[in-house]
Amino acid sequence: MDIIYVIVVGIIIGLLGKFVAPGDRDNIPIWLTILCGIGGVILGYYVAAGLGVEETNGIDWLRLLISIGVAAVLVMIAATVTGGSRGRSRV
């Protein structure tokens, strides 16, 4: 995978993962959302390969859906680990 591709798609996947994550998950900073997206892209591709999803010449929709799901899980984990809430003041 090309590093620029991973970063650009990771930003998009991170935001989509944050959008599809259940509950109120906007309490993590945007940089952490982007990191979750990049991790979602990388881990999603490995999960897809483990499930036997073949690489295609066009857009790999199934891999992208798996990456969004993985990013959503990472966003939920990040929100839980950081323990932040909207009412908390950040210093």
N, C-alpha and C. Protein backbone atom coordinates (compact mmCIF):
# COMPACT_ATOMS: atom_id res chain seq x y z
N MET A 1 0.84 -1.19 0.00
CA MET A 1 0.00 0.00 0.00
C MET A 1 0.89 1.25 0.00
N ASP A 2 0.49 2.22 -0.74
CA ASP A 2 1.20 3.47 -0.80
C ASP A 2 0.87 4.30 0.44
N ILE A 3 1.87 4.93 1.04
CA ILE A 3 1.67 5.66 2.30
C ILE A 3 0.72 6.83 2.14
N ILE A 4 0.77 7.53 1.00
CA ILE A 4 -0.14 8.65 0.76
C ILE A 4 -1.58 8.15 0.68
N TYR A 5 -1.77 7.02 -0.01
CA TYR A 5 -3.09 6.41 -0.12
C TYR A 5 -3.64 6.07 1.26
N VAL A 6 -2.80 5.46 2.09
CA VAL A 6 -3.23 5.06 3.43
C VAL A 6 -3.63 6.28 4.26
N ILE A 7 -2.86 7.36 4.17
CA ILE A 7 -3.18 8.56 4.95
C ILE A 7 -4.47 9.20 4.46
N VAL A 8 -4.61 9.38 3.15
CA VAL A 8 -5.80 10.04 2.62
C VAL A 8 -7.05 9.19 2.88
N VAL A 9 -6.98 7.92 2.56
CA VAL A 9 -8.13 7.05 2.80
C VAL A 9 -8.35 6.88 4.30
N GLY A 10 -7.28 6.89 5.08
CA GLY A 10 -7.41 6.78 6.53
C GLY A 10 -8.19 7.93 7.14
N ILE A 11 -7.98 9.14 6.62
CA ILE A 11 -8.74 10.30 7.10
C ILE A 11 -10.22 10.10 6.81
N ILE A 12 -10.52 9.70 5.59
CA ILE A 12 -11.92 9.50 5.20
C ILE A 12 -12.54 8.34 5.98
N ILE A 13 -11.83 7.24 6.09
CA ILE A 13 -12.34 6.06 6.80
C ILE A 13 -12.51 6.38 8.29
N GLY A 14 -11.59 7.15 8.86
CA GLY A 14 -11.70 7.52 10.28
C GLY A 14 -12.96 8.33 10.53
N LEU A 15 -13.23 9.29 9.66
CA LEU A 15 -14.44 10.10 9.82
C LEU A 15 -15.70 9.27 9.61
N LEU A 16 -15.66 8.36 8.63
CA LEU A 16 -16.81 7.46 8.42
C LEU A 16 -16.97 6.51 9.61
N GLY A 17 -15.85 6.02 10.13
CA GLY A 17 -15.90 5.14 11.30
C GLY A 17 -16.48 5.85 12.50
N LYS A 18 -16.13 7.12 12.66
CA LYS A 18 -16.67 7.92 13.76
C LYS A 18 -18.17 8.13 13.57
N PHE A 19 -18.58 8.30 12.30
CA PHE A 19 -19.99 8.51 11.98
C PHE A 19 -20.82 7.26 12.27
N VAL A 20 -20.30 6.07 11.95
CA VAL A 20 -21.08 4.84 12.13
C VAL A 20 -20.94 4.24 13.52
N ALA A 21 -20.00 4.74 14.32
CA ALA A 21 -19.84 4.22 15.68
C ALA A 21 -21.10 4.53 16.49
N PRO A 22 -21.63 3.53 17.19
CA PRO A 22 -22.85 3.78 17.96
C PRO A 22 -22.61 4.70 19.15
N GLY A 23 -23.63 5.43 19.52
CA GLY A 23 -23.55 6.30 20.69
C GLY A 23 -22.86 7.61 20.39
N ASP A 24 -22.54 8.33 21.46
CA ASP A 24 -21.90 9.63 21.35
C ASP A 24 -20.39 9.45 21.37
N ARG A 25 -19.78 9.41 20.20
CA ARG A 25 -18.35 9.15 20.10
C ARG A 25 -17.58 10.35 19.57
N ASP A 26 -18.13 11.57 19.70
CA ASP A 26 -17.39 12.73 19.20
C ASP A 26 -16.51 13.35 20.27
N ASN A 27 -16.21 12.61 21.31
CA ASN A 27 -15.42 13.18 22.38
C ASN A 27 -13.92 12.92 22.23
N ILE A 28 -13.49 12.42 21.08
CA ILE A 28 -12.05 12.23 20.87
C ILE A 28 -11.58 13.27 19.87
N PRO A 29 -10.33 13.70 20.00
CA PRO A 29 -9.82 14.73 19.08
C PRO A 29 -9.71 14.21 17.65
N ILE A 30 -9.68 15.13 16.70
CA ILE A 30 -9.66 14.77 15.28
C ILE A 30 -8.40 14.00 14.92
N TRP A 31 -7.27 14.33 15.56
CA TRP A 31 -6.04 13.61 15.23
C TRP A 31 -6.14 12.14 15.63
N LEU A 32 -6.86 11.86 16.72
CA LEU A 32 -7.05 10.48 17.14
C LEU A 32 -8.02 9.76 16.21
N THR A 33 -9.01 10.49 15.72
CA THR A 33 -9.93 9.92 14.73
C THR A 33 -9.18 9.55 13.46
N ILE A 34 -8.26 10.41 13.03
CA ILE A 34 -7.47 10.13 11.83
C ILE A 34 -6.57 8.92 12.05
N LEU A 35 -5.95 8.83 13.22
CA LEU A 35 -5.12 7.66 13.53
C LEU A 35 -5.95 6.37 13.54
N CYS A 36 -7.17 6.46 14.07
CA CYS A 36 -8.07 5.31 14.05
C CYS A 36 -8.42 4.93 12.62
N GLY A 37 -8.60 5.93 11.76
CA GLY A 37 -8.89 5.67 10.35
C GLY A 37 -7.73 5.00 9.64
N ILE A 38 -6.52 5.48 9.89
CA ILE A 38 -5.34 4.88 9.27
C ILE A 38 -5.18 3.45 9.78
N GLY A 39 -5.36 3.25 11.08
CA GLY A 39 -5.31 1.90 11.63
C GLY A 39 -6.41 1.03 11.06
N GLY A 40 -7.59 1.62 10.85
CA GLY A 40 -8.71 0.87 10.27
C GLY A 40 -8.42 0.41 8.86
N VAL A 41 -7.76 1.27 8.07
CA VAL A 41 -7.40 0.90 6.70
C VAL A 41 -6.40 -0.25 6.72
N ILE A 42 -5.37 -0.12 7.52
CA ILE A 42 -4.33 -1.15 7.55
C ILE A 42 -4.87 -2.46 8.11
N LEU A 43 -5.51 -2.40 9.27
CA LEU A 43 -6.07 -3.63 9.86
C LEU A 43 -7.20 -4.20 9.02
N GLY A 44 -8.01 -3.33 8.43
CA GLY A 44 -9.12 -3.78 7.59
C GLY A 44 -8.64 -4.58 6.39
N TYR A 45 -7.55 -4.16 5.80
CA TYR A 45 -7.01 -4.90 4.66
C TYR A 45 -6.49 -6.26 5.09
N TYR A 46 -5.87 -6.34 6.27
CA TYR A 46 -5.40 -7.64 6.77
C TYR A 46 -6.58 -8.55 7.13
N VAL A 47 -7.61 -7.97 7.75
CA VAL A 47 -8.80 -8.76 8.09
C VAL A 47 -9.46 -9.26 6.81
N ALA A 48 -9.58 -8.40 5.80
CA ALA A 48 -10.18 -8.80 4.53
C ALA A 48 -9.37 -9.92 3.88
N ALA A 49 -8.06 -9.79 3.92
CA ALA A 49 -7.20 -10.85 3.35
C ALA A 49 -7.38 -12.15 4.12
N GLY A 50 -7.51 -12.04 5.44
CA GLY A 50 -7.74 -13.24 6.26
C GLY A 50 -9.07 -13.90 5.99
N LEU A 51 -10.05 -13.09 5.58
CA LEU A 51 -11.37 -13.63 5.24
C LEU A 51 -11.44 -14.12 3.81
N GLY A 52 -10.36 -13.97 3.05
CA GLY A 52 -10.32 -14.48 1.69
C GLY A 52 -10.82 -13.50 0.64
N VAL A 53 -10.92 -12.22 0.97
CA VAL A 53 -11.35 -11.22 -0.01
C VAL A 53 -10.19 -10.98 -0.97
N GLU A 54 -10.46 -11.17 -2.24
CA GLU A 54 -9.43 -11.00 -3.26
C GLU A 54 -9.31 -9.55 -3.69
N GLU A 55 -8.10 -9.12 -4.04
CA GLU A 55 -7.88 -7.77 -4.54
C GLU A 55 -8.39 -7.68 -5.97
N THR A 56 -9.06 -6.59 -6.28
CA THR A 56 -9.60 -6.39 -7.62
C THR A 56 -8.90 -5.23 -8.31
N ASN A 57 -9.15 -5.09 -9.62
CA ASN A 57 -8.56 -3.98 -10.37
C ASN A 57 -9.25 -2.66 -10.07
N GLY A 58 -10.52 -2.70 -9.71
CA GLY A 58 -11.28 -1.49 -9.43
C GLY A 58 -11.25 -1.16 -7.95
N ILE A 59 -12.32 -0.54 -7.49
CA ILE A 59 -12.44 -0.19 -6.08
C ILE A 59 -12.84 -1.43 -5.30
N ASP A 60 -12.12 -1.70 -4.23
CA ASP A 60 -12.42 -2.86 -3.38
C ASP A 60 -13.47 -2.45 -2.35
N TRP A 61 -14.74 -2.53 -2.74
CA TRP A 61 -15.82 -2.09 -1.87
C TRP A 61 -15.88 -2.90 -0.58
N LEU A 62 -15.70 -4.20 -0.68
CA LEU A 62 -15.77 -5.04 0.52
C LEU A 62 -14.63 -4.70 1.48
N ARG A 63 -13.45 -4.48 0.96
CA ARG A 63 -12.32 -4.08 1.82
C ARG A 63 -12.58 -2.73 2.48
N LEU A 64 -13.16 -1.81 1.72
CA LEU A 64 -13.47 -0.49 2.30
C LEU A 64 -14.52 -0.61 3.40
N LEU A 65 -15.54 -1.44 3.19
CA LEU A 65 -16.57 -1.64 4.23
C LEU A 65 -15.97 -2.28 5.48
N ILE A 66 -15.10 -3.25 5.28
CA ILE A 66 -14.43 -3.87 6.43
C ILE A 66 -13.55 -2.84 7.13
N SER A 67 -12.85 -1.99 6.38
CA SER A 67 -12.01 -0.95 6.97
C SER A 67 -12.83 0.05 7.77
N ILE A 68 -14.01 0.42 7.26
CA ILE A 68 -14.89 1.33 8.00
C ILE A 68 -15.33 0.68 9.30
N GLY A 69 -15.68 -0.59 9.26
CA GLY A 69 -16.07 -1.31 10.47
C GLY A 69 -14.95 -1.37 11.49
N VAL A 70 -13.75 -1.68 11.02
CA VAL A 70 -12.59 -1.74 11.92
C VAL A 70 -12.31 -0.35 12.50
N ALA A 71 -12.40 0.69 11.67
CA ALA A 71 -12.18 2.06 12.16
C ALA A 71 -13.24 2.45 13.19
N ALA A 72 -14.49 2.03 12.99
CA ALA A 72 -15.55 2.31 13.97
C ALA A 72 -15.23 1.66 15.30
N VAL A 73 -14.74 0.43 15.25
CA VAL A 73 -14.35 -0.25 16.49
C VAL A 73 -13.19 0.49 17.15
N LEU A 74 -12.21 0.91 16.36
CA LEU A 74 -11.07 1.64 16.92
C LEU A 74 -11.50 2.98 17.53
N VAL A 75 -12.46 3.66 16.88
CA VAL A 75 -12.98 4.92 17.43
C VAL A 75 -13.66 4.66 18.77
N MET A 76 -14.45 3.58 18.86
CA MET A 76 -15.11 3.26 20.13
C MET A 76 -14.10 2.91 21.21
N ILE A 77 -13.06 2.18 20.84
CA ILE A 77 -12.02 1.84 21.82
C ILE A 77 -11.29 3.11 22.27
N ALA A 78 -10.95 3.99 21.32
CA ALA A 78 -10.26 5.23 21.67
C ALA A 78 -11.12 6.10 22.57
N ALA A 79 -12.42 6.17 22.30
CA ALA A 79 -13.31 6.97 23.13
C ALA A 79 -13.42 6.38 24.53
N THR A 80 -13.42 5.06 24.62
CA THR A 80 -13.50 4.41 25.93
C THR A 80 -12.20 4.59 26.71
N VAL A 81 -11.07 4.41 26.03
CA VAL A 81 -9.77 4.51 26.70
C VAL A 81 -9.50 5.94 27.17
N THR A 82 -9.81 6.92 26.32
CA THR A 82 -9.57 8.30 26.72
C THR A 82 -10.55 8.74 27.78
N GLY A 83 -11.71 8.11 27.82
CA GLY A 83 -12.70 8.38 28.87
C GLY A 83 -13.25 9.78 28.87
N GLY A 84 -13.05 10.49 27.79
CA GLY A 84 -13.51 11.88 27.72
C GLY A 84 -15.02 11.97 27.56
N SER A 85 -15.54 13.09 28.01
CA SER A 85 -16.94 13.38 27.78
C SER A 85 -17.05 14.80 27.31
N ARG A 86 -18.18 15.17 26.77
CA ARG A 86 -18.33 16.51 26.22
C ARG A 86 -18.24 17.59 27.30
N GLY A 87 -18.62 17.26 28.52
CA GLY A 87 -18.61 18.27 29.58
C GLY A 87 -17.25 18.46 30.22
N ARG A 88 -16.30 17.63 29.90
CA ARG A 88 -14.98 17.69 30.51
C ARG A 88 -14.15 18.80 29.90
N SER A 89 -13.46 19.55 30.73
CA SER A 89 -12.59 20.59 30.20
C SER A 89 -11.25 19.98 29.86
N ARG A 90 -10.72 20.35 28.70
CA ARG A 90 -9.43 19.81 28.26
C ARG A 90 -8.36 20.87 28.49
N VAL A 91 -7.33 20.48 29.17
CA VAL A 91 -6.26 21.41 29.49
C VAL A 91 -5.04 21.07 28.69
